[in-house]
């Protein structure tokens, strides 16, 4: 995934107008020195934080599928997640652990974190994010099973509302052998918890 994005000047200008109005509404002075460029910065920040809408996760996977007879579990764990809660537009962040059992096809390993990024750089809820990652890998690779576990801290719970700073949320989604076979699922859980390096 590109680390930089191209900003649409018209969208940036329009969002900056809105943020200038927001600053006024909360009692700030958008003309004071520290805030002069804030509306434009926030407009660009919001575009970056939601640029996953412009990415097709299926296309990411499809450009790096290879025929291979490997049939054991493949895990990419500790994938950093940064997303925005769609209810309060506050960040949630943490890690994703993704596994699949190939069925004659494997994918370039970098594509799995890119799929995670493509879905997380949208307004999200963690539960849907977990399912979207699972379904994308199942749909494109047709493996014998997919497992996704996500662990995140949510600023909407820590900075406001219930204000529980040490709480984390864990969500999981499985298909195929990970759902049907308890031994396979336990192996996945043990491996994502293990410190092997």
N, C-alpha and C. Protein backbone atom coordinates (compact mmCIF):
# COMPACT_ATOMS: atom_id res chain seq x y z
N UNK A 1 0.85 -1.18 0.00
CA UNK A 1 0.00 0.00 0.00
C UNK A 1 0.89 1.23 0.00
N UNK A 2 0.50 2.24 -0.74
CA UNK A 2 1.28 3.45 -0.78
C UNK A 2 1.31 4.10 0.59
N UNK A 3 2.49 4.59 0.98
CA UNK A 3 2.62 5.28 2.25
C UNK A 3 2.16 6.73 2.13
N UNK A 4 2.15 7.25 0.91
CA UNK A 4 1.65 8.60 0.69
C UNK A 4 0.48 8.51 -0.28
N UNK A 5 -0.40 9.49 -0.19
CA UNK A 5 -1.53 9.51 -1.11
C UNK A 5 -1.59 10.88 -1.77
N UNK A 6 -2.27 10.93 -2.89
CA UNK A 6 -2.49 12.21 -3.56
C UNK A 6 -3.78 12.80 -3.03
N UNK A 7 -3.70 14.04 -2.61
CA UNK A 7 -4.87 14.70 -2.04
C UNK A 7 -5.62 15.46 -3.12
N UNK A 8 -6.92 15.35 -3.09
CA UNK A 8 -7.80 16.09 -3.99
C UNK A 8 -7.96 17.50 -3.44
N UNK A 9 -7.48 18.50 -4.18
CA UNK A 9 -7.50 19.88 -3.68
C UNK A 9 -8.92 20.37 -3.37
N UNK A 10 -9.87 19.98 -4.20
CA UNK A 10 -11.25 20.42 -3.97
C UNK A 10 -11.80 19.82 -2.67
N UNK A 11 -11.53 18.54 -2.46
CA UNK A 11 -11.98 17.90 -1.22
C UNK A 11 -11.26 18.50 -0.01
N UNK A 12 -9.95 18.72 -0.15
CA UNK A 12 -9.18 19.32 0.95
C UNK A 12 -9.74 20.69 1.31
N UNK A 13 -10.00 21.52 0.30
CA UNK A 13 -10.51 22.87 0.56
C UNK A 13 -11.89 22.83 1.23
N UNK A 14 -12.74 21.93 0.76
CA UNK A 14 -14.10 21.85 1.33
C UNK A 14 -14.06 21.35 2.77
N UNK A 15 -13.27 20.30 3.02
CA UNK A 15 -13.14 19.79 4.38
C UNK A 15 -12.53 20.85 5.30
N UNK A 16 -11.54 21.59 4.80
CA UNK A 16 -10.91 22.65 5.60
C UNK A 16 -11.93 23.71 6.00
N UNK A 17 -12.85 24.01 5.09
CA UNK A 17 -13.92 24.97 5.42
C UNK A 17 -14.75 24.44 6.59
N UNK A 18 -15.12 23.16 6.51
CA UNK A 18 -15.92 22.55 7.58
C UNK A 18 -15.17 22.60 8.91
N UNK A 19 -13.87 22.27 8.88
CA UNK A 19 -13.10 22.25 10.13
C UNK A 19 -12.90 23.65 10.69
N UNK A 20 -12.81 24.65 9.83
CA UNK A 20 -12.75 26.03 10.31
C UNK A 20 -14.04 26.36 11.07
N UNK A 21 -15.16 25.93 10.51
CA UNK A 21 -16.45 26.17 11.17
C UNK A 21 -16.53 25.40 12.49
N UNK A 22 -16.02 24.18 12.51
CA UNK A 22 -16.03 23.39 13.74
C UNK A 22 -15.21 24.09 14.82
N UNK A 23 -14.04 24.61 14.46
CA UNK A 23 -13.21 25.32 15.44
C UNK A 23 -13.97 26.50 16.04
N UNK A 24 -14.68 27.22 15.17
CA UNK A 24 -15.50 28.33 15.67
C UNK A 24 -16.58 27.82 16.63
N UNK A 25 -17.24 26.73 16.25
CA UNK A 25 -18.37 26.21 17.02
C UNK A 25 -17.96 25.73 18.42
N UNK A 26 -16.72 25.23 18.55
CA UNK A 26 -16.29 24.76 19.87
C UNK A 26 -15.66 25.88 20.71
N UNK A 27 -15.67 27.10 20.17
CA UNK A 27 -15.19 28.25 20.93
C UNK A 27 -13.74 28.61 20.69
N UNK A 28 -13.13 28.03 19.67
CA UNK A 28 -11.74 28.35 19.35
C UNK A 28 -11.69 29.49 18.33
N UNK A 29 -10.49 30.04 18.18
CA UNK A 29 -10.24 31.09 17.19
C UNK A 29 -9.37 30.51 16.08
N UNK A 30 -9.97 30.18 14.91
CA UNK A 30 -9.18 29.58 13.85
C UNK A 30 -8.12 30.51 13.27
N UNK A 31 -8.16 31.79 13.67
CA UNK A 31 -7.16 32.74 13.16
C UNK A 31 -5.96 32.90 14.09
N UNK A 32 -5.98 32.21 15.23
CA UNK A 32 -4.80 32.32 16.07
C UNK A 32 -3.68 31.49 15.48
N UNK A 33 -2.45 31.85 15.82
CA UNK A 33 -1.26 31.30 15.16
C UNK A 33 -1.24 29.77 15.12
N UNK A 34 -1.51 29.14 16.25
CA UNK A 34 -1.40 27.68 16.30
C UNK A 34 -2.43 26.94 15.48
N UNK A 35 -3.51 27.63 15.09
CA UNK A 35 -4.60 26.97 14.36
C UNK A 35 -4.72 27.40 12.90
N UNK A 36 -3.84 28.29 12.46
CA UNK A 36 -3.98 28.84 11.10
C UNK A 36 -4.03 27.75 10.02
N UNK A 37 -3.20 26.75 10.15
CA UNK A 37 -3.15 25.70 9.13
C UNK A 37 -3.83 24.40 9.57
N UNK A 38 -4.42 24.42 10.76
CA UNK A 38 -5.04 23.20 11.29
C UNK A 38 -6.17 22.67 10.41
N UNK A 39 -7.09 23.49 9.91
CA UNK A 39 -8.16 22.93 9.07
C UNK A 39 -7.63 22.17 7.86
N UNK A 40 -6.59 22.68 7.21
CA UNK A 40 -6.03 21.99 6.05
C UNK A 40 -5.33 20.70 6.48
N UNK A 41 -4.59 20.78 7.60
CA UNK A 41 -3.90 19.57 8.08
C UNK A 41 -4.90 18.46 8.42
N UNK A 42 -5.98 18.83 9.11
CA UNK A 42 -6.98 17.83 9.49
C UNK A 42 -7.69 17.29 8.25
N UNK A 43 -7.95 18.14 7.28
CA UNK A 43 -8.58 17.70 6.02
C UNK A 43 -7.72 16.65 5.33
N UNK A 44 -6.42 16.88 5.29
CA UNK A 44 -5.52 15.90 4.66
C UNK A 44 -5.40 14.64 5.52
N UNK A 45 -5.36 14.84 6.83
CA UNK A 45 -5.27 13.70 7.74
C UNK A 45 -6.47 12.78 7.56
N UNK A 46 -7.66 13.36 7.49
CA UNK A 46 -8.86 12.54 7.33
C UNK A 46 -8.84 11.77 6.01
N UNK A 47 -8.36 12.41 4.96
CA UNK A 47 -8.26 11.71 3.67
C UNK A 47 -7.28 10.54 3.75
N UNK A 48 -6.16 10.74 4.47
CA UNK A 48 -5.19 9.66 4.61
C UNK A 48 -5.78 8.52 5.45
N UNK A 49 -6.43 8.87 6.54
CA UNK A 49 -6.95 7.85 7.46
C UNK A 49 -8.09 7.04 6.86
N UNK A 50 -8.68 7.53 5.78
CA UNK A 50 -9.80 6.82 5.14
C UNK A 50 -9.50 6.46 3.68
N UNK A 51 -8.22 6.42 3.31
CA UNK A 51 -7.92 6.15 1.90
C UNK A 51 -8.12 4.68 1.50
N UNK A 52 -8.53 3.84 2.45
CA UNK A 52 -8.84 2.45 2.11
C UNK A 52 -10.04 2.32 1.18
N UNK A 53 -10.90 3.35 1.15
CA UNK A 53 -12.03 3.30 0.22
C UNK A 53 -11.59 3.26 -1.24
N UNK A 54 -10.38 3.73 -1.50
CA UNK A 54 -9.86 3.78 -2.87
C UNK A 54 -9.08 2.53 -3.26
N UNK A 55 -9.05 1.54 -2.37
CA UNK A 55 -8.25 0.33 -2.61
C UNK A 55 -9.18 -0.88 -2.74
N UNK A 56 -8.90 -1.71 -3.73
CA UNK A 56 -9.66 -2.95 -3.93
C UNK A 56 -8.86 -4.10 -3.31
N UNK A 57 -9.24 -4.58 -2.13
CA UNK A 57 -8.47 -5.64 -1.47
C UNK A 57 -8.39 -6.93 -2.29
N UNK A 58 -9.47 -7.27 -3.01
CA UNK A 58 -9.43 -8.48 -3.84
C UNK A 58 -8.34 -8.36 -4.90
N UNK A 59 -8.21 -7.18 -5.49
CA UNK A 59 -7.19 -6.96 -6.53
C UNK A 59 -5.79 -7.10 -5.93
N UNK A 60 -5.60 -6.66 -4.69
CA UNK A 60 -4.30 -6.81 -4.03
C UNK A 60 -3.90 -8.28 -3.96
N UNK A 61 -4.84 -9.12 -3.53
CA UNK A 61 -4.56 -10.56 -3.42
C UNK A 61 -4.35 -11.17 -4.80
N UNK A 62 -5.22 -10.83 -5.73
CA UNK A 62 -5.19 -11.47 -7.05
C UNK A 62 -3.92 -11.20 -7.84
N UNK A 63 -3.21 -10.12 -7.52
CA UNK A 63 -1.99 -9.82 -8.26
C UNK A 63 -0.78 -10.61 -7.76
N UNK A 64 -0.97 -11.42 -6.72
CA UNK A 64 0.17 -12.15 -6.17
C UNK A 64 -0.21 -13.55 -5.71
N UNK A 65 -1.02 -14.26 -6.50
CA UNK A 65 -1.39 -15.64 -6.19
C UNK A 65 -0.48 -16.58 -6.98
N UNK A 66 0.04 -17.61 -6.29
CA UNK A 66 0.97 -18.55 -6.92
C UNK A 66 0.50 -19.98 -6.65
N UNK A 67 0.66 -20.83 -7.64
CA UNK A 67 0.36 -22.25 -7.48
C UNK A 67 1.46 -22.90 -6.63
N UNK A 68 1.05 -23.57 -5.56
CA UNK A 68 2.01 -24.20 -4.67
C UNK A 68 1.28 -25.29 -3.90
N UNK A 69 1.92 -26.44 -3.73
CA UNK A 69 1.28 -27.56 -3.06
C UNK A 69 1.46 -27.55 -1.56
N UNK A 70 1.98 -26.49 -1.00
CA UNK A 70 2.11 -26.37 0.45
C UNK A 70 0.72 -26.43 1.08
N UNK A 71 0.57 -27.25 2.12
CA UNK A 71 -0.76 -27.45 2.68
C UNK A 71 -0.83 -27.27 4.19
N UNK A 72 0.20 -26.68 4.78
CA UNK A 72 0.19 -26.41 6.21
C UNK A 72 -0.24 -24.97 6.47
N UNK A 73 -0.48 -24.66 7.73
CA UNK A 73 -0.95 -23.34 8.10
C UNK A 73 0.08 -22.26 7.79
N UNK A 74 -0.39 -21.14 7.23
CA UNK A 74 0.44 -19.96 7.00
C UNK A 74 -0.13 -18.85 7.89
N UNK A 75 0.72 -18.27 8.72
CA UNK A 75 0.26 -17.23 9.64
C UNK A 75 1.09 -15.97 9.46
N UNK A 76 0.41 -14.84 9.36
CA UNK A 76 1.07 -13.54 9.47
C UNK A 76 0.48 -12.90 10.73
N UNK A 77 1.32 -12.71 11.74
CA UNK A 77 0.78 -12.22 13.00
C UNK A 77 1.37 -10.87 13.37
N UNK A 78 0.75 -10.23 14.35
CA UNK A 78 1.19 -8.93 14.86
C UNK A 78 1.20 -7.85 13.76
N UNK A 79 0.19 -7.88 12.91
CA UNK A 79 0.04 -6.86 11.87
C UNK A 79 -0.57 -5.62 12.54
N UNK A 80 0.13 -4.50 12.48
CA UNK A 80 -0.38 -3.28 13.12
C UNK A 80 -1.66 -2.82 12.43
N UNK A 81 -2.62 -2.41 13.25
CA UNK A 81 -3.90 -1.87 12.74
C UNK A 81 -4.08 -0.46 13.30
N UNK A 82 -4.44 0.45 12.41
CA UNK A 82 -4.87 1.79 12.82
C UNK A 82 -6.15 2.07 12.05
N UNK A 83 -7.23 2.27 12.78
CA UNK A 83 -8.51 2.50 12.13
C UNK A 83 -9.27 3.58 12.88
N UNK A 84 -10.48 3.89 12.37
CA UNK A 84 -11.31 4.92 12.97
C UNK A 84 -12.69 4.34 13.23
N UNK A 85 -13.13 4.45 14.48
CA UNK A 85 -14.46 4.01 14.86
C UNK A 85 -15.51 4.83 14.12
N UNK A 86 -16.45 4.16 13.47
CA UNK A 86 -17.45 4.89 12.70
C UNK A 86 -18.50 5.57 13.57
N UNK A 87 -18.55 5.23 14.84
CA UNK A 87 -19.56 5.82 15.72
C UNK A 87 -19.13 7.19 16.27
N UNK A 88 -17.82 7.33 16.55
CA UNK A 88 -17.33 8.59 17.13
C UNK A 88 -16.19 9.19 16.32
N UNK A 89 -15.75 8.50 15.29
CA UNK A 89 -14.61 8.93 14.47
C UNK A 89 -13.38 9.19 15.34
N UNK A 90 -13.17 8.29 16.30
CA UNK A 90 -11.96 8.29 17.11
C UNK A 90 -11.16 7.03 16.75
N UNK A 91 -9.86 7.07 16.95
CA UNK A 91 -9.03 5.93 16.55
C UNK A 91 -9.26 4.68 17.39
N UNK A 92 -9.08 3.53 16.73
CA UNK A 92 -8.81 2.29 17.47
C UNK A 92 -7.62 1.64 16.81
N UNK A 93 -6.81 0.97 17.62
CA UNK A 93 -5.55 0.46 17.07
C UNK A 93 -5.13 -0.78 17.84
N UNK A 94 -4.32 -1.60 17.19
CA UNK A 94 -3.87 -2.83 17.81
C UNK A 94 -3.19 -3.72 16.80
N UNK A 95 -3.51 -5.02 16.88
CA UNK A 95 -2.85 -6.00 16.02
C UNK A 95 -3.85 -6.99 15.45
N UNK A 96 -3.53 -7.44 14.24
CA UNK A 96 -4.29 -8.51 13.60
C UNK A 96 -3.38 -9.73 13.42
N UNK A 97 -3.98 -10.90 13.58
CA UNK A 97 -3.29 -12.16 13.33
C UNK A 97 -4.13 -12.90 12.29
N UNK A 98 -3.51 -13.23 11.16
CA UNK A 98 -4.25 -13.81 10.04
C UNK A 98 -3.57 -15.10 9.61
N UNK A 99 -4.38 -16.15 9.43
CA UNK A 99 -3.84 -17.43 8.97
C UNK A 99 -4.75 -18.01 7.90
N UNK A 100 -4.14 -18.82 7.03
CA UNK A 100 -4.93 -19.60 6.08
C UNK A 100 -4.23 -20.92 5.83
N UNK A 101 -4.99 -21.90 5.39
CA UNK A 101 -4.45 -23.21 5.02
C UNK A 101 -4.61 -23.34 3.51
N UNK A 102 -3.51 -23.31 2.77
CA UNK A 102 -3.59 -23.29 1.30
C UNK A 102 -4.31 -24.51 0.74
N UNK A 103 -4.90 -24.29 -0.41
CA UNK A 103 -5.59 -25.34 -1.15
C UNK A 103 -5.07 -25.32 -2.60
N UNK A 104 -3.73 -25.45 -2.72
CA UNK A 104 -3.10 -25.42 -4.04
C UNK A 104 -2.62 -24.05 -4.46
N UNK A 105 -2.94 -23.01 -3.67
CA UNK A 105 -2.51 -21.65 -4.01
C UNK A 105 -2.05 -20.93 -2.75
N UNK A 106 -0.98 -20.13 -2.89
CA UNK A 106 -0.52 -19.27 -1.81
C UNK A 106 -0.51 -17.84 -2.33
N UNK A 107 -0.37 -16.90 -1.40
CA UNK A 107 -0.33 -15.48 -1.78
C UNK A 107 0.96 -14.87 -1.25
N UNK A 108 1.50 -13.89 -1.98
CA UNK A 108 2.66 -13.16 -1.49
C UNK A 108 2.37 -12.62 -0.09
N UNK A 109 3.29 -12.85 0.84
CA UNK A 109 3.02 -12.57 2.25
C UNK A 109 2.71 -11.10 2.52
N UNK A 110 3.28 -10.18 1.76
CA UNK A 110 3.02 -8.76 2.02
C UNK A 110 1.58 -8.37 1.70
N UNK A 111 0.89 -9.20 0.92
CA UNK A 111 -0.48 -8.84 0.54
C UNK A 111 -1.46 -8.96 1.71
N UNK A 112 -1.16 -9.82 2.66
CA UNK A 112 -2.08 -9.97 3.80
C UNK A 112 -2.10 -8.70 4.65
N UNK A 113 -0.93 -8.14 5.05
CA UNK A 113 -0.99 -6.86 5.75
C UNK A 113 -1.60 -5.74 4.91
N UNK A 114 -1.42 -5.80 3.60
CA UNK A 114 -2.02 -4.76 2.75
C UNK A 114 -3.55 -4.86 2.74
N UNK A 115 -4.05 -6.08 2.77
CA UNK A 115 -5.51 -6.26 2.86
C UNK A 115 -6.02 -5.72 4.20
N UNK A 116 -5.29 -6.02 5.27
CA UNK A 116 -5.67 -5.50 6.59
C UNK A 116 -5.72 -3.98 6.54
N UNK A 117 -4.70 -3.36 5.94
CA UNK A 117 -4.68 -1.89 5.85
C UNK A 117 -5.82 -1.35 5.00
N UNK A 118 -6.09 -2.03 3.88
CA UNK A 118 -7.14 -1.54 2.97
C UNK A 118 -8.50 -1.47 3.67
N UNK A 119 -8.79 -2.45 4.50
CA UNK A 119 -10.07 -2.43 5.22
C UNK A 119 -10.03 -1.55 6.47
N UNK A 120 -8.88 -1.46 7.12
CA UNK A 120 -8.82 -0.68 8.36
C UNK A 120 -8.77 0.81 8.10
N UNK A 121 -8.31 1.22 6.92
CA UNK A 121 -8.27 2.65 6.59
C UNK A 121 -9.61 3.11 6.03
N UNK A 122 -10.65 2.78 6.76
CA UNK A 122 -12.01 3.19 6.47
C UNK A 122 -12.69 3.43 7.81
N UNK A 123 -13.83 4.07 7.81
CA UNK A 123 -14.60 4.13 9.05
C UNK A 123 -15.10 2.71 9.33
N UNK A 124 -14.86 2.22 10.55
CA UNK A 124 -15.04 0.80 10.81
C UNK A 124 -15.64 0.53 12.18
N UNK A 125 -16.08 -0.71 12.35
CA UNK A 125 -16.24 -1.33 13.66
C UNK A 125 -15.35 -2.58 13.62
N UNK A 126 -14.78 -2.92 14.74
CA UNK A 126 -13.80 -4.01 14.76
C UNK A 126 -14.41 -5.33 14.30
N UNK A 127 -15.66 -5.56 14.66
CA UNK A 127 -16.30 -6.83 14.30
C UNK A 127 -16.39 -6.98 12.78
N UNK A 128 -16.82 -5.92 12.09
CA UNK A 128 -16.94 -5.99 10.63
C UNK A 128 -15.56 -6.09 9.97
N UNK A 129 -14.59 -5.35 10.51
CA UNK A 129 -13.23 -5.40 9.98
C UNK A 129 -12.71 -6.83 10.00
N UNK A 130 -12.95 -7.54 11.09
CA UNK A 130 -12.49 -8.93 11.23
C UNK A 130 -13.10 -9.81 10.14
N UNK A 131 -14.37 -9.65 9.92
CA UNK A 131 -15.07 -10.47 8.92
C UNK A 131 -14.65 -10.10 7.50
N UNK A 132 -14.46 -8.82 7.24
CA UNK A 132 -14.06 -8.40 5.89
C UNK A 132 -12.70 -8.97 5.50
N UNK A 133 -11.76 -8.97 6.44
CA UNK A 133 -10.44 -9.55 6.16
C UNK A 133 -10.57 -11.05 5.89
N UNK A 134 -11.31 -11.73 6.76
CA UNK A 134 -11.52 -13.18 6.58
C UNK A 134 -12.13 -13.49 5.22
N UNK A 135 -13.21 -12.78 4.90
CA UNK A 135 -13.94 -13.09 3.66
C UNK A 135 -13.13 -12.78 2.41
N UNK A 136 -12.32 -11.74 2.45
CA UNK A 136 -11.49 -11.40 1.30
C UNK A 136 -10.50 -12.54 0.99
N UNK A 137 -9.85 -13.04 2.02
CA UNK A 137 -8.88 -14.12 1.82
C UNK A 137 -9.58 -15.41 1.40
N UNK A 138 -10.72 -15.70 1.99
CA UNK A 138 -11.47 -16.90 1.60
C UNK A 138 -11.93 -16.81 0.15
N UNK A 139 -12.44 -15.65 -0.22
CA UNK A 139 -13.00 -15.43 -1.56
C UNK A 139 -11.93 -15.51 -2.65
N UNK A 140 -10.77 -14.94 -2.39
CA UNK A 140 -9.75 -14.83 -3.44
C UNK A 140 -8.85 -16.06 -3.55
N UNK A 141 -8.52 -16.68 -2.41
CA UNK A 141 -7.61 -17.83 -2.42
C UNK A 141 -8.33 -19.17 -2.40
N UNK A 142 -9.58 -19.19 -1.94
CA UNK A 142 -10.33 -20.42 -1.74
C UNK A 142 -9.50 -21.45 -0.96
N UNK A 143 -8.97 -21.05 0.20
CA UNK A 143 -8.16 -21.99 0.99
C UNK A 143 -9.03 -22.98 1.74
N UNK A 144 -8.38 -23.91 2.44
CA UNK A 144 -9.11 -24.88 3.26
C UNK A 144 -9.64 -24.26 4.55
N UNK A 145 -9.18 -23.08 4.84
CA UNK A 145 -9.68 -22.37 6.02
C UNK A 145 -8.95 -21.06 6.22
N UNK A 146 -9.62 -20.12 6.86
CA UNK A 146 -9.04 -18.81 7.20
C UNK A 146 -9.34 -18.54 8.67
N UNK A 147 -8.37 -17.93 9.36
CA UNK A 147 -8.56 -17.50 10.75
C UNK A 147 -8.07 -16.07 10.89
N UNK A 148 -8.87 -15.25 11.55
CA UNK A 148 -8.49 -13.87 11.82
C UNK A 148 -8.81 -13.57 13.28
N UNK A 149 -7.83 -13.06 14.01
CA UNK A 149 -8.04 -12.55 15.37
C UNK A 149 -7.50 -11.13 15.41
N UNK A 150 -8.30 -10.21 15.95
CA UNK A 150 -7.89 -8.81 16.06
C UNK A 150 -8.02 -8.40 17.53
N UNK A 151 -6.99 -7.72 18.01
CA UNK A 151 -6.96 -7.18 19.38
C UNK A 151 -6.72 -5.68 19.28
N UNK A 152 -7.64 -4.87 19.81
CA UNK A 152 -7.50 -3.42 19.68
C UNK A 152 -7.89 -2.68 20.95
N UNK A 153 -7.29 -1.51 21.10
CA UNK A 153 -7.72 -0.53 22.10
C UNK A 153 -8.51 0.54 21.36
N UNK A 154 -9.61 0.96 21.95
CA UNK A 154 -10.53 1.90 21.31
C UNK A 154 -10.55 3.22 22.08
N UNK A 155 -10.18 4.29 21.40
CA UNK A 155 -10.16 5.60 22.05
C UNK A 155 -11.56 6.07 22.44
N UNK A 156 -12.58 5.56 21.77
CA UNK A 156 -13.94 5.95 22.14
C UNK A 156 -14.33 5.36 23.50
N UNK A 157 -13.61 4.31 23.95
CA UNK A 157 -13.83 3.76 25.29
C UNK A 157 -12.84 4.32 26.30
N UNK A 158 -11.67 4.77 25.82
CA UNK A 158 -10.62 5.18 26.74
C UNK A 158 -10.60 6.68 27.00
N UNK A 159 -10.92 7.49 25.99
CA UNK A 159 -10.86 8.94 26.14
C UNK A 159 -12.19 9.55 26.54
N UNK A 160 -13.28 8.84 26.28
CA UNK A 160 -14.62 9.37 26.54
C UNK A 160 -15.49 8.22 27.04
N UNK A 161 -16.78 8.47 27.20
CA UNK A 161 -17.69 7.39 27.58
C UNK A 161 -17.28 6.72 28.87
N UNK A 162 -17.06 5.42 28.80
CA UNK A 162 -16.77 4.63 30.00
C UNK A 162 -15.37 4.90 30.56
N UNK A 163 -14.45 5.41 29.74
CA UNK A 163 -13.10 5.82 30.14
C UNK A 163 -12.33 4.70 30.84
N UNK A 164 -12.27 3.56 30.22
CA UNK A 164 -11.50 2.43 30.76
C UNK A 164 -10.21 2.30 29.96
N UNK A 165 -9.13 2.86 30.48
CA UNK A 165 -7.88 2.99 29.72
C UNK A 165 -7.17 1.67 29.45
N UNK A 166 -7.43 0.66 30.25
CA UNK A 166 -6.69 -0.60 30.08
C UNK A 166 -7.50 -1.68 29.38
N UNK A 167 -8.65 -1.31 28.83
CA UNK A 167 -9.48 -2.32 28.18
C UNK A 167 -9.04 -2.54 26.74
N UNK A 168 -9.13 -3.77 26.30
CA UNK A 168 -8.91 -4.11 24.90
C UNK A 168 -10.07 -4.97 24.42
N UNK A 169 -10.26 -4.97 23.12
CA UNK A 169 -11.34 -5.76 22.52
C UNK A 169 -10.72 -6.80 21.59
N UNK A 170 -11.14 -8.03 21.72
CA UNK A 170 -10.67 -9.11 20.85
C UNK A 170 -11.84 -9.64 20.04
N UNK A 171 -11.64 -9.77 18.73
CA UNK A 171 -12.65 -10.34 17.84
C UNK A 171 -12.01 -11.42 17.00
N UNK A 172 -12.81 -12.40 16.59
CA UNK A 172 -12.27 -13.50 15.78
C UNK A 172 -13.28 -13.92 14.73
N UNK A 173 -12.77 -14.49 13.67
CA UNK A 173 -13.62 -15.03 12.60
C UNK A 173 -12.88 -16.17 11.93
N UNK A 174 -13.60 -17.26 11.64
CA UNK A 174 -12.99 -18.47 11.09
C UNK A 174 -13.82 -19.02 9.93
N UNK A 175 -13.14 -19.72 9.04
CA UNK A 175 -13.83 -20.51 8.02
C UNK A 175 -13.18 -21.89 7.95
N UNK A 176 -13.84 -22.80 7.28
CA UNK A 176 -13.26 -24.10 6.94
C UNK A 176 -12.70 -24.87 8.11
N UNK A 177 -11.45 -25.35 7.96
CA UNK A 177 -10.85 -26.21 8.97
C UNK A 177 -10.69 -25.52 10.32
N UNK A 178 -10.53 -24.21 10.32
CA UNK A 178 -10.40 -23.49 11.59
C UNK A 178 -11.72 -23.51 12.37
N UNK A 179 -12.81 -23.60 11.65
CA UNK A 179 -14.11 -23.64 12.29
C UNK A 179 -14.49 -25.08 12.67
N UNK A 180 -14.18 -26.03 11.79
CA UNK A 180 -14.62 -27.41 11.98
C UNK A 180 -13.71 -28.23 12.88
N UNK A 181 -12.42 -27.87 12.89
CA UNK A 181 -11.43 -28.71 13.57
C UNK A 181 -10.85 -27.97 14.78
N UNK A 182 -11.21 -28.43 15.96
CA UNK A 182 -10.76 -27.76 17.18
C UNK A 182 -9.25 -27.79 17.33
N UNK A 183 -8.61 -28.87 16.89
CA UNK A 183 -7.15 -28.99 16.99
C UNK A 183 -6.47 -27.93 16.13
N UNK A 184 -6.98 -27.72 14.93
CA UNK A 184 -6.43 -26.71 14.03
C UNK A 184 -6.58 -25.31 14.62
N UNK A 185 -7.76 -25.04 15.17
CA UNK A 185 -8.01 -23.74 15.77
C UNK A 185 -7.08 -23.51 16.97
N UNK A 186 -6.89 -24.54 17.80
CA UNK A 186 -6.00 -24.42 18.96
C UNK A 186 -4.56 -24.20 18.54
N UNK A 187 -4.15 -24.87 17.47
CA UNK A 187 -2.78 -24.67 16.97
C UNK A 187 -2.58 -23.21 16.56
N UNK A 188 -3.57 -22.65 15.88
CA UNK A 188 -3.50 -21.24 15.47
C UNK A 188 -3.40 -20.33 16.70
N UNK A 189 -4.26 -20.55 17.68
CA UNK A 189 -4.25 -19.71 18.88
C UNK A 189 -2.91 -19.83 19.61
N UNK A 190 -2.39 -21.05 19.72
CA UNK A 190 -1.10 -21.25 20.38
C UNK A 190 0.03 -20.54 19.64
N UNK A 191 0.00 -20.59 18.31
CA UNK A 191 1.06 -19.98 17.52
C UNK A 191 1.02 -18.45 17.57
N UNK A 192 -0.16 -17.86 17.61
CA UNK A 192 -0.20 -16.40 17.67
C UNK A 192 0.17 -15.89 19.07
N UNK A 193 0.06 -16.75 20.06
CA UNK A 193 0.44 -16.36 21.42
C UNK A 193 1.93 -16.61 21.69
N UNK A 194 2.54 -17.50 20.90
CA UNK A 194 3.93 -17.90 21.15
C UNK A 194 4.90 -16.81 20.70
N UNK A 195 6.02 -16.71 21.42
CA UNK A 195 7.12 -15.82 21.04
C UNK A 195 8.21 -16.68 20.43
N UNK A 196 8.21 -16.79 19.10
CA UNK A 196 9.12 -17.72 18.43
C UNK A 196 10.41 -17.05 17.95
N UNK A 197 10.46 -15.72 18.05
CA UNK A 197 11.66 -15.02 17.55
C UNK A 197 12.30 -14.21 18.65
